[in-house]
Amino acid sequence: VELGRSIDEDKIKPTVVFRERWVQKEARILGLKNLKQRRLVPIIVKANDDLRQEQFASQLIALAAAILRAANVSVQLRPYECLATGPDAGIVQALSDTVSLDALRRNDDRYTTLLDFFEFFWT
């Protein structure tokens, strides 16, 4: 352990996570001039999944966030977009700077379950 460091370097940054921060990716793809005019949005395209209830739930979250904001309640809700494009397909807005459990499993042998990831980083 280096002087002033108490956390194992491997625990700070898994190999698959955050290869490139989202703001860096936006700047690279859109160019620095366009960052205020355009936005890059991470999405998940889903198939064989009925997203109509998910779309309704995301609309309720957005409405609740607007009501709480109007009432000056200091609670933060992060509404996300969801569009059911058919009875068994759709598009869901993903959170930037995140990685799926599937990607963790495929790219790093230390993680087979979410519990593995949690225990490695928080215990």
Foldseek 3Di string as FASTA:
>chain_A
DDPPDDDDPCLVDPPQFCPDFLVRVCCVVVNPVCPVPDDDFAKDKFFQAACPVVQVVLVVLVVVQVVCVVVVNPDDGDRWHWDGPDRGITMTTDDGRDDDLVSCVVPPVQGDDPVSSCVSNPD
